[in-house]
Every structure is written in C-alpha cells, then in structure tokens.
Amino acid sequence: MIVALCALAAATALVYVRRRTLVITVKGVSMRPTLRAGDVLIGRRVRVRRLRAGQIVVVEKPNPSEDWQSWSWPERSRHLMIKRLAALPGEPVPAAVRGRLGTGAVPPGAVVVLGDNLAESVDSREIGYFPLERVVGVALRTYRRSPGDIRR
C-alpha cells in the first residue's frame, strides 16, 4: 500500500514538473549574443502576474495568414520563438517599436517582445503587439553547447 502511494505521488510530481517545464533548443540568431544557435534553454510556464520586463520569454509565433484571434496551433505542433519581454500592459511603449506601435502605454492583454539582435530579429517591430496569453513561459537557465556538439 505504501509503495503504491509513493509511486502515485512520484507519478503526480513528474506530470506536474513536465507540464510546467520547457526544454527548447535555440535556433537562429535573433537572441545573439545572449543565446546562440544550439544552446538549450530550460524554462517554466508562469502566471501572467509573475512576468517582468527584461525576462527572456518563450512566445508562440503567429501564423502570418491569420489574425491573432482566430489563430491557434495544435498543442503538439506549436511554433515557438525566444525573445526578450520589453514591455507589459500599462508600461510605456519601448523606443525600438514606437515607429510601428506609436507612443503611449502597452494596451491591456498585450506585450512587446524584442530579440537581442535587433538587426536580425523578427519581433514586435514587425509583428506588433503579442497577446499576453501567447507567452508560454520564461527562461530559467541556458546550457551552452560547443559548436562541435551541435548536430545538423
């Protein structure tokens, strides 16, 4: 009986950790120099109230053929992007996106995300505001792989 309860508790804990943990291999150059292609990012899903400007976040990438309201990827095939959270609802629109988004405050339910490598990043400067609910999680730790470890 005790063994069965311990096994059930362990299985429940594993499911909980697995649902809250993100493991993503970095692709592309939009987050250089902070992140490089091949780095492994460990993240966790968070509640909206725990988000802070400056955090590296994982966001769902929009489908360019649809608008945000009608768009959703099936859970297993979501396309994800890694960006820096530049502004939350109510915060001033960052200077880097004022040309596209104007001045003032970020509207409720929206965020601004930017790549660290602005010259080669597709982010809020091209896409606009990202819906807050499309923020999947935040980075906790990054493991840097050496170039020889990356399989192509």
C-alpha atoms as a PDB file:
ATOM      1  CA  MET A   1       0.000   0.000   0.000  1.00  0.00           C
ATOM      2  CA  ILE A   2       2.767   2.466   0.939  1.00  0.00           C
ATOM      3  CA  VAL A   3       4.735   1.566  -2.191  1.00  0.00           C
ATOM      4  CA  ALA A   4       1.653   2.213  -4.343  1.00  0.00           C
ATOM      5  CA  LEU A   5       1.082   5.601  -2.681  1.00  0.00           C
ATOM      6  CA  CYS A   6       4.740   6.566  -3.179  1.00  0.00           C
ATOM      7  CA  ALA A   7       4.553   5.531  -6.841  1.00  0.00           C
ATOM      8  CA  LEU A   8       1.366   7.565  -7.304  1.00  0.00           C
ATOM      9  CA  ALA A   9       2.939  10.601  -5.625  1.00  0.00           C
ATOM     10  CA  ALA A  10       6.062  10.289  -7.796  1.00  0.00           C
ATOM     11  CA  ALA A  11       3.973   9.974 -10.963  1.00  0.00           C
ATOM     12  CA  THR A  12       1.882  13.007  -9.999  1.00  0.00           C
ATOM     13  CA  ALA A  13       5.014  15.060  -9.300  1.00  0.00           C
ATOM     14  CA  LEU A  14       6.528  14.014 -12.638  1.00  0.00           C
ATOM     15  CA  VAL A  15       3.391  15.065 -14.535  1.00  0.00           C
ATOM     16  CA  TYR A  16       3.350  18.417 -12.688  1.00  0.00           C
ATOM     17  CA  VAL A  17       7.020  19.148 -13.442  1.00  0.00           C
ATOM     18  CA  ARG A  18       6.665  18.045 -17.057  1.00  0.00           C
ATOM     19  CA  ARG A  19       3.672  20.321 -17.646  1.00  0.00           C
ATOM     20  CA  ARG A  20       5.442  23.338 -16.135  1.00  0.00           C
ATOM     21  CA  THR A  21       8.896  22.794 -17.672  1.00  0.00           C
ATOM     22  CA  LEU A  22      10.041  23.827 -21.144  1.00  0.00           C
ATOM     23  CA  VAL A  23      13.160  22.496 -22.850  1.00  0.00           C
ATOM     24  CA  ILE A  24      13.915  24.275 -26.111  1.00  0.00           C
ATOM     25  CA  THR A  25      16.921  24.219 -28.404  1.00  0.00           C
ATOM     26  CA  VAL A  26      17.736  27.694 -29.680  1.00  0.00           C
ATOM     27  CA  LYS A  27      17.641  28.146 -33.456  1.00  0.00           C
ATOM     28  CA  GLY A  28      18.571  31.260 -35.374  1.00  0.00           C
ATOM     29  CA  VAL A  29      20.403  34.436 -34.460  1.00  0.00           C
ATOM     30  CA  SER A  30      17.714  36.763 -33.094  1.00  0.00           C
ATOM     31  CA  MET A  31      18.904  36.496 -29.475  1.00  0.00           C
ATOM     32  CA  ARG A  32      22.641  36.886 -30.069  1.00  0.00           C
ATOM     33  CA  PRO A  33      24.850  37.490 -28.146  1.00  0.00           C
ATOM     34  CA  THR A  34      22.785  36.266 -25.181  1.00  0.00           C
ATOM     35  CA  LEU A  35      21.793  32.988 -26.837  1.00  0.00           C
ATOM     36  CA  ARG A  36      23.389  31.125 -29.734  1.00  0.00           C
ATOM     37  CA  ALA A  37      22.000  28.505 -32.090  1.00  0.00           C
ATOM     38  CA  GLY A  38      22.292  25.136 -30.382  1.00  0.00           C
ATOM     39  CA  ASP A  39      22.027  26.441 -26.821  1.00  0.00           C
ATOM     40  CA  VAL A  40      19.439  24.620 -24.737  1.00  0.00           C
ATOM     41  CA  LEU A  41      17.028  26.788 -22.802  1.00  0.00           C
ATOM     42  CA  ILE A  42      15.270  25.434 -19.723  1.00  0.00           C
ATOM     43  CA  GLY A  43      12.158  27.382 -18.862  1.00  0.00           C
ATOM     44  CA  ARG A  44       8.974  27.184 -16.907  1.00  0.00           C
ATOM     45  CA  ARG A  45       5.414  28.145 -17.551  1.00  0.00           C
ATOM     46  CA  VAL A  46       4.419  31.108 -15.381  1.00  0.00           C
ATOM     47  CA  ARG A  47       1.367  33.034 -14.426  1.00  0.00           C
ATOM     48  CA  VAL A  48       0.955  36.415 -16.068  1.00  0.00           C
ATOM     49  CA  ARG A  49       1.403  38.318 -12.822  1.00  0.00           C
ATOM     50  CA  ARG A  50       4.923  36.892 -12.466  1.00  0.00           C
ATOM     51  CA  LEU A  51       6.166  38.264 -15.787  1.00  0.00           C
ATOM     52  CA  ARG A  52       8.635  41.150 -15.683  1.00  0.00           C
ATOM     53  CA  ALA A  53      10.120  43.311 -18.424  1.00  0.00           C
ATOM     54  CA  GLY A  54      13.640  42.174 -19.242  1.00  0.00           C
ATOM     55  CA  GLN A  55      12.945  38.447 -18.885  1.00  0.00           C
ATOM     56  CA  ILE A  56      13.727  36.071 -21.724  1.00  0.00           C
ATOM     57  CA  VAL A  57      10.411  34.521 -22.690  1.00  0.00           C
ATOM     58  CA  VAL A  58       9.105  31.797 -24.951  1.00  0.00           C
ATOM     59  CA  VAL A  59       6.178  33.002 -27.071  1.00  0.00           C
ATOM     60  CA  GLU A  60       4.004  31.388 -29.685  1.00  0.00           C
ATOM     61  CA  LYS A  61       4.881  32.514 -33.177  1.00  0.00           C
ATOM     62  CA  PRO A  62       1.927  33.924 -35.112  1.00  0.00           C
ATOM     63  CA  ASN A  63       0.665  32.310 -38.275  1.00  0.00           C
ATOM     64  CA  PRO A  64       1.045  35.088 -40.862  1.00  0.00           C
ATOM     65  CA  SER A  65      -2.038  34.017 -42.809  1.00  0.00           C
ATOM     66  CA  GLU A  66      -4.435  34.519 -39.874  1.00  0.00           C
ATOM     67  CA  ASP A  67      -5.108  37.153 -37.243  1.00  0.00           C
ATOM     68  CA  TRP A  68      -4.335  36.553 -33.565  1.00  0.00           C
ATOM     69  CA  GLN A  69      -7.951  35.941 -32.537  1.00  0.00           C
ATOM     70  CA  SER A  70      -8.579  33.055 -34.938  1.00  0.00           C
ATOM     71  CA  TRP A  71      -5.097  31.623 -34.801  1.00  0.00           C
ATOM     72  CA  SER A  72      -4.034  28.630 -32.752  1.00  0.00           C
ATOM     73  CA  TRP A  73      -1.563  25.851 -33.353  1.00  0.00           C
ATOM     74  CA  PRO A  74      -2.370  22.330 -32.215  1.00  0.00           C
ATOM     75  CA  GLU A  75      -0.710  21.810 -28.812  1.00  0.00           C
ATOM     76  CA  ARG A  76       1.931  19.394 -30.108  1.00  0.00           C
ATOM     77  CA  SER A  77       2.951  21.421 -33.146  1.00  0.00           C
ATOM     78  CA  ARG A  78       3.157  24.932 -31.742  1.00  0.00           C
ATOM     79  CA  HIS A  79       5.778  27.119 -33.290  1.00  0.00           C
ATOM     80  CA  LEU A  80       7.745  28.942 -30.613  1.00  0.00           C
ATOM     81  CA  MET A  81      10.039  31.955 -30.526  1.00  0.00           C
ATOM     82  CA  ILE A  82      12.504  33.066 -27.855  1.00  0.00           C
ATOM     83  CA  LYS A  83      12.524  36.808 -27.228  1.00  0.00           C
ATOM     84  CA  ARG A  84      13.082  39.371 -24.504  1.00  0.00           C
ATOM     85  CA  LEU A  85       9.982  40.780 -22.829  1.00  0.00           C
ATOM     86  CA  ALA A  86      10.321  44.518 -23.488  1.00  0.00           C
ATOM     87  CA  ALA A  87       7.049  45.826 -22.025  1.00  0.00           C
ATOM     88  CA  LEU A  88       3.923  44.594 -20.249  1.00  0.00           C
ATOM     89  CA  PRO A  89       0.392  46.037 -20.291  1.00  0.00           C
ATOM     90  CA  GLY A  90       0.342  49.597 -18.943  1.00  0.00           C
ATOM     91  CA  GLU A  91       4.087  50.138 -19.380  1.00  0.00           C
ATOM     92  CA  PRO A  92       5.419  52.712 -21.861  1.00  0.00           C
ATOM     93  CA  VAL A  93       5.912  51.517 -25.444  1.00  0.00           C
ATOM     94  CA  PRO A  94       9.686  50.974 -25.881  1.00  0.00           C
ATOM     95  CA  ALA A  95      11.526  53.351 -28.199  1.00  0.00           C
ATOM     96  CA  ALA A  96      12.532  50.486 -30.527  1.00  0.00           C
ATOM     97  CA  VAL A  97       8.884  49.897 -31.558  1.00  0.00           C
ATOM     98  CA  ARG A  98       7.401  53.392 -31.428  1.00  0.00           C
ATOM     99  CA  GLY A  99       7.606  53.688 -35.212  1.00  0.00           C
ATOM    100  CA  ARG A 100       5.202  50.758 -35.562  1.00  0.00           C
ATOM    101  CA  LEU A 101       3.161  50.949 -32.372  1.00  0.00           C
ATOM    102  CA  GLY A 102       3.172  54.656 -31.595  1.00  0.00           C
ATOM    103  CA  THR A 103       3.732  56.222 -28.205  1.00  0.00           C
ATOM    104  CA  GLY A 104       1.801  55.766 -25.004  1.00  0.00           C
ATOM    105  CA  ALA A 105       1.261  52.623 -22.983  1.00  0.00           C
ATOM    106  CA  VAL A 106       1.049  48.975 -23.993  1.00  0.00           C
ATOM    107  CA  PRO A 107      -2.659  48.090 -24.100  1.00  0.00           C
ATOM    108  CA  PRO A 108      -4.273  45.589 -21.702  1.00  0.00           C
ATOM    109  CA  GLY A 109      -3.749  41.960 -22.712  1.00  0.00           C
ATOM    110  CA  ALA A 110      -0.702  42.712 -24.888  1.00  0.00           C
ATOM    111  CA  VAL A 111       3.089  42.639 -24.566  1.00  0.00           C
ATOM    112  CA  VAL A 112       6.047  43.875 -26.573  1.00  0.00           C
ATOM    113  CA  VAL A 113       8.834  41.381 -27.296  1.00  0.00           C
ATOM    114  CA  LEU A 114      12.188  42.065 -28.943  1.00  0.00           C
ATOM    115  CA  GLY A 115      15.164  39.983 -29.971  1.00  0.00           C
ATOM    116  CA  ASP A 116      18.527  40.973 -28.503  1.00  0.00           C
ATOM    117  CA  ASN A 117      19.947  41.074 -32.040  1.00  0.00           C
ATOM    118  CA  LEU A 118      17.696  43.820 -33.419  1.00  0.00           C
ATOM    119  CA  ALA A 119      19.362  43.733 -36.834  1.00  0.00           C
ATOM    120  CA  GLU A 120      18.249  40.125 -37.411  1.00  0.00           C
ATOM    121  CA  SER A 121      15.158  39.592 -35.291  1.00  0.00           C
ATOM    122  CA  VAL A 122      11.505  39.269 -36.239  1.00  0.00           C
ATOM    123  CA  ASP A 123       9.637  40.618 -33.233  1.00  0.00           C
ATOM    124  CA  SER A 124       7.142  43.312 -32.199  1.00  0.00           C
ATOM    125  CA  ARG A 125       8.819  45.754 -34.591  1.00  0.00           C
ATOM    126  CA  GLU A 126       7.397  43.702 -37.496  1.00  0.00           C
ATOM    127  CA  ILE A 127       4.531  41.763 -35.910  1.00  0.00           C
ATOM    128  CA  GLY A 128       3.172  44.328 -33.465  1.00  0.00           C
ATOM    129  CA  TYR A 129       1.797  43.550 -30.033  1.00  0.00           C
ATOM    130  CA  PHE A 130       1.794  39.921 -28.910  1.00  0.00           C
ATOM    131  CA  PRO A 131      -1.256  38.745 -26.953  1.00  0.00           C
ATOM    132  CA  LEU A 132      -0.302  38.155 -23.331  1.00  0.00           C
ATOM    133  CA  GLU A 133      -1.835  34.680 -23.457  1.00  0.00           C
ATOM    134  CA  ARG A 134       0.702  33.724 -26.156  1.00  0.00           C
ATOM    135  CA  VAL A 135       3.573  33.975 -23.658  1.00  0.00           C
ATOM    136  CA  VAL A 136       4.314  30.317 -22.937  1.00  0.00           C
ATOM    137  CA  GLY A 137       6.988  30.657 -20.259  1.00  0.00           C
ATOM    138  CA  VAL A 138      10.213  32.251 -19.036  1.00  0.00           C
ATOM    139  CA  ALA A 139      13.824  31.130 -19.258  1.00  0.00           C
ATOM    140  CA  LEU A 140      15.367  29.812 -16.073  1.00  0.00           C
ATOM    141  CA  ARG A 141      18.698  28.533 -17.318  1.00  0.00           C
ATOM    142  CA  THR A 142      20.645  28.145 -20.537  1.00  0.00           C
ATOM    143  CA  TYR A 143      23.145  25.440 -21.363  1.00  0.00           C
ATOM    144  CA  ARG A 144      25.667  26.488 -23.964  1.00  0.00           C
ATOM    145  CA  ARG A 145      26.712  23.804 -26.374  1.00  0.00           C
ATOM    146  CA  SER A 146      30.054  23.942 -28.057  1.00  0.00           C
ATOM    147  CA  PRO A 147      29.870  24.112 -31.889  1.00  0.00           C
ATOM    148  CA  GLY A 148      31.119  20.513 -32.149  1.00  0.00           C
ATOM    149  CA  ASP A 149      28.165  19.251 -30.074  1.00  0.00           C
ATOM    150  CA  ILE A 150      25.516  20.620 -32.447  1.00  0.00           C
ATOM    151  CA  ARG A 151      24.050  18.068 -34.831  1.00  0.00           C
ATOM    152  CA  ARG A 152      22.906  19.490 -38.129  1.00  0.00           C
END
